[in-house]
Protein backbone atom coordinates (compact mmCIF):
# COMPACT_ATOMS: atom_id res chain seq x y z
CA UNK A 1 -113.03 57.09 17.30
CA UNK A 2 -112.56 54.36 14.65
CA UNK A 3 -110.12 57.18 13.51
CA UNK A 4 -108.23 56.72 16.05
CA UNK A 5 -108.45 52.58 16.42
CA UNK A 6 -107.23 52.48 12.65
CA UNK A 7 -104.25 54.71 13.44
CA UNK A 8 -103.30 52.61 16.56
CA UNK A 9 -103.75 49.63 14.48
CA UNK A 10 -101.31 50.37 12.14
CA UNK A 11 -98.89 51.98 14.64
CA UNK A 12 -98.79 48.19 16.30
CA UNK A 13 -98.14 46.86 12.77
CA UNK A 14 -95.51 48.69 11.91
CA UNK A 15 -93.86 47.63 15.38
CA UNK A 16 -94.18 44.21 14.65
CA UNK A 17 -92.87 44.59 10.83
CA UNK A 18 -90.53 46.33 12.64
CA UNK A 19 -89.33 43.55 15.32
CA UNK A 20 -89.32 40.48 12.84
CA UNK A 21 -85.21 40.64 11.91
CA UNK A 22 -82.87 41.76 14.73
CA UNK A 23 -79.81 43.51 13.85
CA UNK A 24 -76.79 40.68 13.49
CA UNK A 25 -74.22 40.72 16.00
CA UNK A 26 -71.31 39.96 13.95
CA UNK A 27 -68.72 37.26 15.47
CA UNK A 28 -64.99 38.36 15.89
CA UNK A 29 -62.77 37.01 13.64
CA UNK A 30 -60.08 34.26 14.19
CA UNK A 31 -56.36 34.30 13.38
CA UNK A 32 -54.33 31.68 13.08
CA UNK A 33 -51.16 31.73 15.22
CA UNK A 34 -47.58 32.72 12.55
CA UNK A 35 -45.50 30.13 12.56
CA UNK A 36 -42.35 30.12 14.90
CA UNK A 37 -38.96 30.95 13.16
CA UNK A 38 -35.96 29.69 13.97
CA UNK A 39 -32.32 28.73 12.62
CA UNK A 40 -33.46 25.51 13.87
CA UNK A 41 -37.02 24.18 13.86
CA UNK A 42 -39.38 26.11 15.55
CA UNK A 43 -43.19 25.14 16.32
CA UNK A 44 -45.44 26.07 14.14
CA UNK A 45 -48.76 28.77 16.65
CA UNK A 46 -51.56 27.50 17.17
CA UNK A 47 -55.06 29.24 15.27
CA UNK A 48 -57.64 31.29 17.76
CA UNK A 49 -60.44 29.61 17.85
CA UNK A 50 -63.22 31.67 16.14
CA UNK A 51 -66.04 33.12 17.60
CA UNK A 52 -69.49 31.92 17.68
CA UNK A 53 -72.41 33.63 15.66
CA UNK A 54 -75.10 35.32 17.18
CA UNK A 55 -78.51 33.77 18.26
CA UNK A 56 -80.48 36.02 16.62
CA UNK A 57 -79.24 35.54 12.67
CA UNK A 58 -76.02 36.24 12.63
CA UNK A 59 -73.06 35.96 10.27
CA UNK A 60 -71.41 33.33 9.41
CA UNK A 61 -67.99 33.72 11.52
CA UNK A 62 -64.82 33.38 9.77
CA UNK A 63 -62.23 30.45 10.10
CA UNK A 64 -58.39 31.34 11.78
CA UNK A 65 -56.29 32.09 9.00
CA UNK A 66 -53.55 29.36 7.93
CA UNK A 67 -50.54 29.76 10.41
CA UNK A 68 -47.52 31.19 7.93
CA UNK A 69 -44.30 28.92 6.74
CA UNK A 70 -41.85 28.77 10.01
CA UNK A 71 -37.99 29.48 8.88
CA UNK A 72 -37.09 26.91 8.89
CA UNK A 73 -39.78 24.92 11.16
CA UNK A 74 -40.34 21.24 11.78
CA UNK A 75 -44.23 21.74 11.68
CA UNK A 76 -46.93 24.21 9.63
CA UNK A 77 -49.05 26.26 12.11
CA UNK A 78 -52.32 25.15 12.45
CA UNK A 79 -55.26 26.34 10.85
CA UNK A 80 -58.00 28.18 12.96
CA UNK A 81 -61.23 25.98 14.19
CA UNK A 82 -64.05 26.91 12.30
CA UNK A 83 -66.92 28.96 13.63
CA UNK A 84 -69.68 27.87 15.32
CA UNK A 85 -72.93 27.78 12.59
CA UNK A 86 -75.59 30.89 13.59
CA UNK A 87 -78.35 30.74 15.82
CA UNK A 88 -81.73 30.04 14.21
CA UNK A 89 -82.55 33.30 12.58
CA UNK A 90 -85.91 35.23 13.56
CA UNK A 91 -88.71 34.96 10.53
CA UNK A 92 -87.65 34.91 7.43
CA UNK A 93 -83.77 35.33 8.85
CA UNK A 94 -81.24 32.92 7.09
CA UNK A 95 -79.01 30.33 8.97
CA UNK A 96 -75.68 31.89 9.30
CA UNK A 97 -73.01 29.19 7.51
CA UNK A 98 -70.50 27.44 9.30
CA UNK A 99 -66.42 29.26 9.01
CA UNK A 100 -64.38 27.91 7.12
CA UNK A 101 -61.16 26.07 9.06
CA UNK A 102 -58.01 27.46 8.21
CA UNK A 103 -55.62 25.54 5.99
CA UNK A 104 -52.53 24.36 7.83
CA UNK A 105 -49.25 26.54 6.64
CA UNK A 106 -46.34 24.30 4.88
CA UNK A 107 -43.45 23.52 7.43
CA UNK A 108 -40.12 24.89 6.74
CA UNK A 109 -37.07 22.64 5.07
CA UNK A 110 -34.56 21.74 6.85
CA UNK A 111 -30.77 22.48 6.12
CA UNK A 112 -28.97 20.68 3.85
CA UNK A 113 -25.98 18.82 4.63
CA UNK A 114 -22.37 20.25 3.77
CA UNK A 115 -21.10 17.90 0.50
CA UNK A 116 -18.25 16.23 1.76
CA UNK A 117 -14.60 16.95 0.46
CA UNK A 118 -12.92 15.06 -2.28
CA UNK A 119 -11.12 11.93 -0.76
CA UNK A 120 -7.12 12.07 -0.66
CA UNK A 121 -4.25 10.87 -2.79
CA UNK A 122 -3.46 6.56 -0.55
CA UNK A 123 -0.62 7.38 1.52
CA UNK A 124 2.91 5.88 0.12
CA UNK A 125 4.18 2.38 1.23
CA UNK A 126 6.76 2.05 3.91
CA UNK A 127 10.48 1.04 2.69
CA UNK A 128 9.43 -2.67 4.35
CA UNK A 129 6.69 -3.22 2.21
CA UNK A 130 7.27 -6.16 0.50
CA UNK A 131 3.91 -6.17 -1.99
CA UNK A 132 3.08 -4.11 -5.34
CA UNK A 133 3.63 -0.57 -3.71
CA UNK A 134 0.33 0.49 -5.54
CA UNK A 135 -1.56 -2.20 -3.36
CA UNK A 136 -0.79 -0.09 -0.23
CA UNK A 137 -3.94 1.44 1.24
CA UNK A 138 -6.32 0.90 -1.61
CA UNK A 139 -9.36 0.21 0.19
CA UNK A 140 -8.21 -3.74 0.40
CA UNK A 141 -6.88 -5.46 3.37
CA UNK A 142 -3.78 -7.49 2.14
CA UNK A 143 -1.91 -9.72 4.10
CA UNK A 144 1.49 -11.27 4.44
CA UNK A 145 3.49 -8.14 2.94
CA UNK A 146 5.93 -7.49 5.73
CA UNK A 147 3.79 -4.66 6.77
CA UNK A 148 0.42 -4.25 7.97
CA UNK A 149 -1.74 -2.86 5.31
CA UNK A 150 -3.25 0.64 6.99
CA UNK A 151 -6.52 -0.53 4.55
CA UNK A 152 -6.66 -3.67 7.30
CA UNK A 153 -9.24 -2.76 10.76
CA UNK A 154 -6.87 -4.74 13.25
CA UNK A 155 -3.33 -6.34 12.70
CA UNK A 156 -4.95 -10.19 12.83
CA UNK A 157 -5.72 -12.55 10.04
CA UNK A 158 -8.93 -12.09 11.01
CA UNK A 159 -9.36 -8.51 8.84
CA UNK A 160 -7.64 -10.09 6.15
CA UNK A 161 -9.31 -9.83 2.57
CA UNK A 162 -6.37 -10.40 -0.10
CA UNK A 163 -3.08 -11.85 -0.25
CA UNK A 164 -1.61 -11.17 -3.30
CA UNK A 165 0.86 -13.65 -5.39
CA UNK A 166 4.02 -11.47 -4.01
CA UNK A 167 3.07 -12.20 -0.48
CA UNK A 168 4.15 -15.01 2.09
CA UNK A 169 0.92 -16.89 1.04
CA UNK A 170 0.74 -15.98 -2.27
CA UNK A 171 -3.56 -16.15 -3.27
CA UNK A 172 -4.63 -18.16 0.27
CA UNK A 173 -4.38 -16.16 3.86
CA UNK A 174 -4.33 -19.66 5.67
CA UNK A 175 -0.71 -19.04 6.13
CA UNK A 176 -0.57 -15.43 8.14
CA UNK A 177 -0.06 -15.65 11.27
CA UNK A 178 -3.11 -15.27 13.48
CA UNK A 179 -1.31 -12.63 15.44
CA UNK A 180 -0.26 -10.63 12.73
CA UNK A 181 -0.31 -10.61 9.51
CA UNK A 182 1.85 -8.69 8.21
CA UNK A 183 3.85 -12.13 8.27
CA UNK A 184 2.91 -15.65 7.89
CA UNK A 185 3.78 -18.42 10.63
CA UNK A 186 5.99 -20.33 8.77
CA UNK A 187 8.72 -19.18 6.15
CA UNK A 188 7.60 -18.70 2.80
CA UNK A 189 6.96 -20.70 0.03
CA UNK A 190 9.81 -18.52 -2.14
CA UNK A 191 11.61 -19.01 0.98
CA UNK A 192 15.02 -20.55 -0.14
CA UNK A 193 17.06 -20.65 2.63
CA UNK A 194 16.62 -22.54 6.27
CA UNK A 195 13.14 -21.97 7.18
CA UNK A 196 14.16 -21.63 10.72
CA UNK A 197 16.09 -18.93 9.65
CA UNK A 198 12.75 -16.57 8.46
CA UNK A 199 11.60 -14.21 10.71
CA UNK A 200 13.87 -15.46 13.41
CA UNK A 201 15.43 -11.94 15.03
CA UNK A 202 18.59 -11.68 12.03
CA UNK A 203 18.10 -9.83 8.71
CA UNK A 204 18.91 -12.75 6.26
CA UNK A 205 19.33 -11.51 2.60
CA UNK A 206 19.41 -13.69 -0.74
CA UNK A 207 16.76 -16.13 -0.29
CA UNK A 208 14.65 -16.01 -2.29
CA UNK A 209 11.62 -13.52 -0.32
CA UNK A 210 12.50 -10.30 1.95
CA UNK A 211 12.94 -11.63 5.99
CA UNK A 212 10.32 -9.81 7.78
CA UNK A 213 13.15 -9.18 10.26
CA UNK A 214 15.18 -6.43 7.72
CA UNK A 215 13.39 -3.17 8.92
CA UNK A 216 14.31 -2.01 5.31
CA UNK A 217 15.26 -2.96 1.25
CA UNK A 218 19.32 -1.63 2.22
CA UNK A 219 22.29 -3.58 2.28
CA UNK A 220 23.13 -1.77 5.37
CA UNK A 221 20.33 -3.22 6.91
CA UNK A 222 21.52 -7.42 5.99
CA UNK A 223 23.21 -9.33 8.81
CA UNK A 224 23.61 -12.78 7.19
CA UNK A 225 23.94 -13.18 3.30
CA UNK A 226 25.68 -16.83 3.70
CA UNK A 227 22.41 -18.93 5.39
CA UNK A 228 22.57 -22.24 3.58
CA UNK A 229 20.29 -22.41 0.27
CA UNK A 230 21.52 -18.25 0.23
CA UNK A 231 22.13 -17.30 -3.73
CA UNK A 232 24.96 -15.32 -2.48
CA UNK A 233 26.49 -18.08 1.02
CA UNK A 234 29.65 -14.99 1.04
CA UNK A 235 30.14 -12.85 3.41
CA UNK A 236 27.39 -9.83 3.38
CA UNK A 237 27.37 -7.79 0.91
CA UNK A 238 29.07 -10.01 -1.52
CA UNK A 239 26.26 -10.39 -4.32
CA UNK A 240 23.60 -9.35 -2.07
CA UNK A 241 21.55 -6.96 -4.99
CA UNK A 242 20.97 -3.53 -3.53
CA UNK A 243 17.60 -3.03 -5.50
CA UNK A 244 16.51 -6.08 -3.72
CA UNK A 245 18.19 -7.61 -0.79
CA UNK A 246 15.10 -10.79 -1.41
CA UNK A 247 18.18 -11.65 -4.53
CA UNK A 248 21.49 -11.68 -5.35
CA UNK A 249 23.29 -10.07 -8.96
CA UNK A 250 26.02 -10.87 -10.70
CA UNK A 251 29.68 -10.56 -9.03
CA UNK A 252 32.14 -8.31 -11.26
CA UNK A 253 35.38 -9.19 -10.48
CA UNK A 254 38.20 -7.29 -9.19
CA UNK A 255 40.81 -6.13 -11.51
CA UNK A 256 43.23 -8.44 -10.36
CA UNK A 257 41.39 -11.54 -11.38
CA UNK A 258 42.69 -13.19 -13.89
CA UNK A 259 41.14 -16.27 -14.36
CA UNK A 260 37.97 -14.88 -16.68
CA UNK A 261 34.41 -13.72 -15.69
CA UNK A 262 32.88 -17.11 -15.94
CA UNK A 263 35.11 -18.69 -13.04
CA UNK A 264 34.58 -15.97 -10.39
CA UNK A 265 31.45 -16.31 -7.57
CA UNK A 266 29.90 -19.24 -9.82
CA UNK A 267 28.44 -21.11 -6.78
CA UNK A 268 30.95 -24.24 -8.49
CA UNK A 269 34.75 -23.76 -7.97
CA UNK A 270 36.98 -22.65 -5.20
CA UNK A 271 39.67 -21.38 -8.33
CA UNK A 272 43.09 -20.69 -6.74
CA UNK A 273 46.39 -19.02 -8.40
CA UNK A 274 43.49 -16.31 -10.34
CA UNK A 275 45.55 -13.38 -8.55
CA UNK A 276 42.33 -12.82 -6.70
CA UNK A 277 39.78 -15.19 -3.63
CA UNK A 278 37.43 -16.33 -5.48
CA UNK A 279 33.67 -15.85 -3.37
CA UNK A 280 33.33 -19.35 -3.79
CA UNK A 281 36.46 -20.07 -1.58
CA UNK A 282 34.99 -19.23 2.47
CA UNK A 283 38.97 -19.49 3.81
CA UNK A 284 42.59 -18.72 2.37
CA UNK A 285 43.08 -21.83 3.37
CA UNK A 286 44.45 -24.09 0.20
CA UNK A 287 42.56 -27.46 0.35
CA UNK A 288 39.84 -25.75 0.43
CA UNK A 289 40.93 -25.32 -3.68
CA UNK A 290 39.48 -26.98 -6.25
CA UNK A 291 40.64 -25.73 -9.63
CA UNK A 292 43.52 -23.80 -10.17
CA UNK A 293 43.81 -23.14 -13.92
CA UNK A 294 46.11 -20.89 -13.60
CA UNK A 295 48.59 -23.31 -12.32
CA UNK A 296 51.51 -25.41 -13.43
CA UNK A 297 49.31 -28.04 -11.93
CA UNK A 298 46.08 -29.21 -11.76
CA UNK A 299 46.98 -30.89 -8.25
CA UNK A 300 46.31 -27.44 -6.54
CA UNK A 301 48.19 -29.08 -3.05
CA UNK A 302 51.34 -29.03 -5.53
CA UNK A 303 51.21 -25.54 -7.65
CA UNK A 304 49.22 -23.03 -5.63
CA UNK A 305 51.14 -20.88 -3.46
CA UNK A 306 49.96 -22.22 0.51
CA UNK A 307 50.77 -18.84 1.86
CA UNK A 308 48.39 -16.80 -0.62
CA UNK A 309 46.10 -19.17 -2.64
CA UNK A 310 45.58 -16.24 -4.58
CA UNK A 311 48.86 -16.88 -6.93
CA UNK A 312 50.71 -20.28 -7.65
CA UNK A 313 53.79 -21.04 -7.02
CA UNK A 314 56.33 -19.45 -7.97
CA UNK A 315 58.70 -20.76 -10.49
CA UNK A 316 62.19 -22.56 -9.04
CA UNK A 317 65.23 -20.76 -9.15
CA UNK A 318 67.20 -20.39 -12.08
CA UNK A 319 64.09 -19.52 -14.41
CA UNK A 320 64.76 -17.48 -16.66
CA UNK A 321 61.68 -16.08 -17.89
CA UNK A 322 58.49 -14.43 -16.45
CA UNK A 323 56.98 -15.66 -14.09
CA UNK A 324 54.07 -15.90 -15.34
CA UNK A 325 55.36 -18.51 -18.12
CA UNK A 326 55.55 -21.47 -16.13
CA UNK A 327 53.01 -23.74 -16.03
CA UNK A 328 51.41 -21.89 -18.39
CA UNK A 329 50.06 -25.18 -19.95
CA UNK A 330 52.19 -23.71 -22.82
CA UNK A 331 55.86 -25.31 -23.34
CA UNK A 332 58.53 -22.21 -22.78
CA UNK A 333 62.06 -22.91 -23.85
CA UNK A 334 64.95 -21.51 -22.87
CA UNK A 335 63.67 -20.31 -20.26
CA UNK A 336 66.90 -21.46 -17.47
CA UNK A 337 65.07 -24.33 -16.60
CA UNK A 338 62.31 -27.19 -17.55
CA UNK A 339 59.24 -25.56 -17.84
CA UNK A 340 57.00 -28.22 -16.03
CA UNK A 341 54.61 -27.70 -19.68
CA UNK A 342 57.54 -30.07 -21.58
CA UNK A 343 57.05 -32.98 -19.75
CA UNK A 344 52.96 -33.01 -21.76
CA UNK A 345 54.91 -32.16 -24.87
CA UNK A 346 58.74 -31.84 -25.79
CA UNK A 347 58.10 -29.22 -28.43
CA UNK A 348 58.68 -25.97 -28.10
CA UNK A 349 55.40 -23.57 -28.28
CA UNK A 350 57.68 -20.41 -27.32
CA UNK A 351 60.74 -19.25 -26.58
CA UNK A 352 60.26 -15.90 -24.59
CA UNK A 353 62.62 -12.91 -25.64
CA UNK A 354 63.55 -12.71 -22.12
CA UNK A 355 65.00 -16.23 -22.42
CA UNK A 356 68.67 -16.85 -23.51
CA UNK A 357 67.07 -17.50 -26.78
CA UNK A 358 66.32 -13.84 -27.03
CA UNK A 359 63.33 -14.67 -28.44
CA UNK A 360 64.59 -17.13 -31.68
CA UNK A 361 64.40 -20.83 -30.84
CA UNK A 362 67.03 -22.02 -33.57
CA UNK A 363 69.21 -20.70 -30.66
CA UNK A 364 67.87 -24.19 -28.47
CA UNK A 365 70.70 -27.17 -27.34
CA UNK A 366 68.84 -29.67 -29.00
CA UNK A 367 69.25 -32.12 -25.62
CA UNK A 368 68.29 -29.82 -23.19
CA UNK A 369 65.27 -27.45 -24.56
CA UNK A 370 65.59 -24.76 -21.18
CA UNK A 371 69.42 -24.30 -21.95
CA UNK A 372 71.10 -22.49 -25.26
CA UNK A 373 73.66 -23.72 -27.79
CA UNK A 374 76.82 -20.70 -27.25
CA UNK A 375 76.93 -18.09 -30.26
């Protein structure tokens, strides 16, 4: 009986010892969501919430895994929420530890924008640009240069950043026309013609500065070259410089001119009797002649041919020598008619061979140097 009781007691105690620690149930492991993939930007998935540990001595739940890096994504995946702490263990059981949170995934980097290309060369200056060609399209709005600079955001004076020394208003832009910054309100400071002729609708040349009315820097564009004050004073094109129509060049006399190059187009005298018309003579009226150095009298009205001011009055009838010897400032003898130059000096300086002397002044009549002594 006693022995039976002892066996019963042993079985009960063995059962109690076996029931002290129940088997733990491991909670499911959660995994963080993967980051969304995308060419532009995918949002990362949110990690799943980890399972709770078993009430009885369960092991710690594992935190969700970190979201993987998105391919070009804008934000990283969120880590899973840590598992709840383990329940109270049974007798002698150890409580489960809290699950570790998932590590956030790293967001994908955005694509790098493509770099800009190399800037091209500035555009060439238009033919009517009156400032230095290098200033056109150099990144600065230059005004008063006869053409609106490509760098100006509009054509008003408010766009001006510079007025070069070669502009119509050097240094200061206060003279630029308010509605058109290519020109000035009045004539430029270097304009030498009448102020009213600047920007009046007619292309004036030889005025010291480019007229905004001229469509191109070409002589063919000139419409008026003899404006009062112009360096030309003659009809177009005459002495206008073909390289820069704002200026003049030295006039080249024609082959027929016989009065010396310095006298031709000297802007001082209307020379007559020189074999060709002087540019200083605006008409063919003999009254305009104020110098006739090759004719036989300084009084041009008496010595210049009224029908043709480019020549002197021909020698009188009976003149045997060449016509150019008459009134040439040399007393020519033996020419059949007294030379007008011999009125100043009776002494014979020359006996032309075409006269009666045949070049030998000893044959002259001492009483009349226009005649010869008979052999």
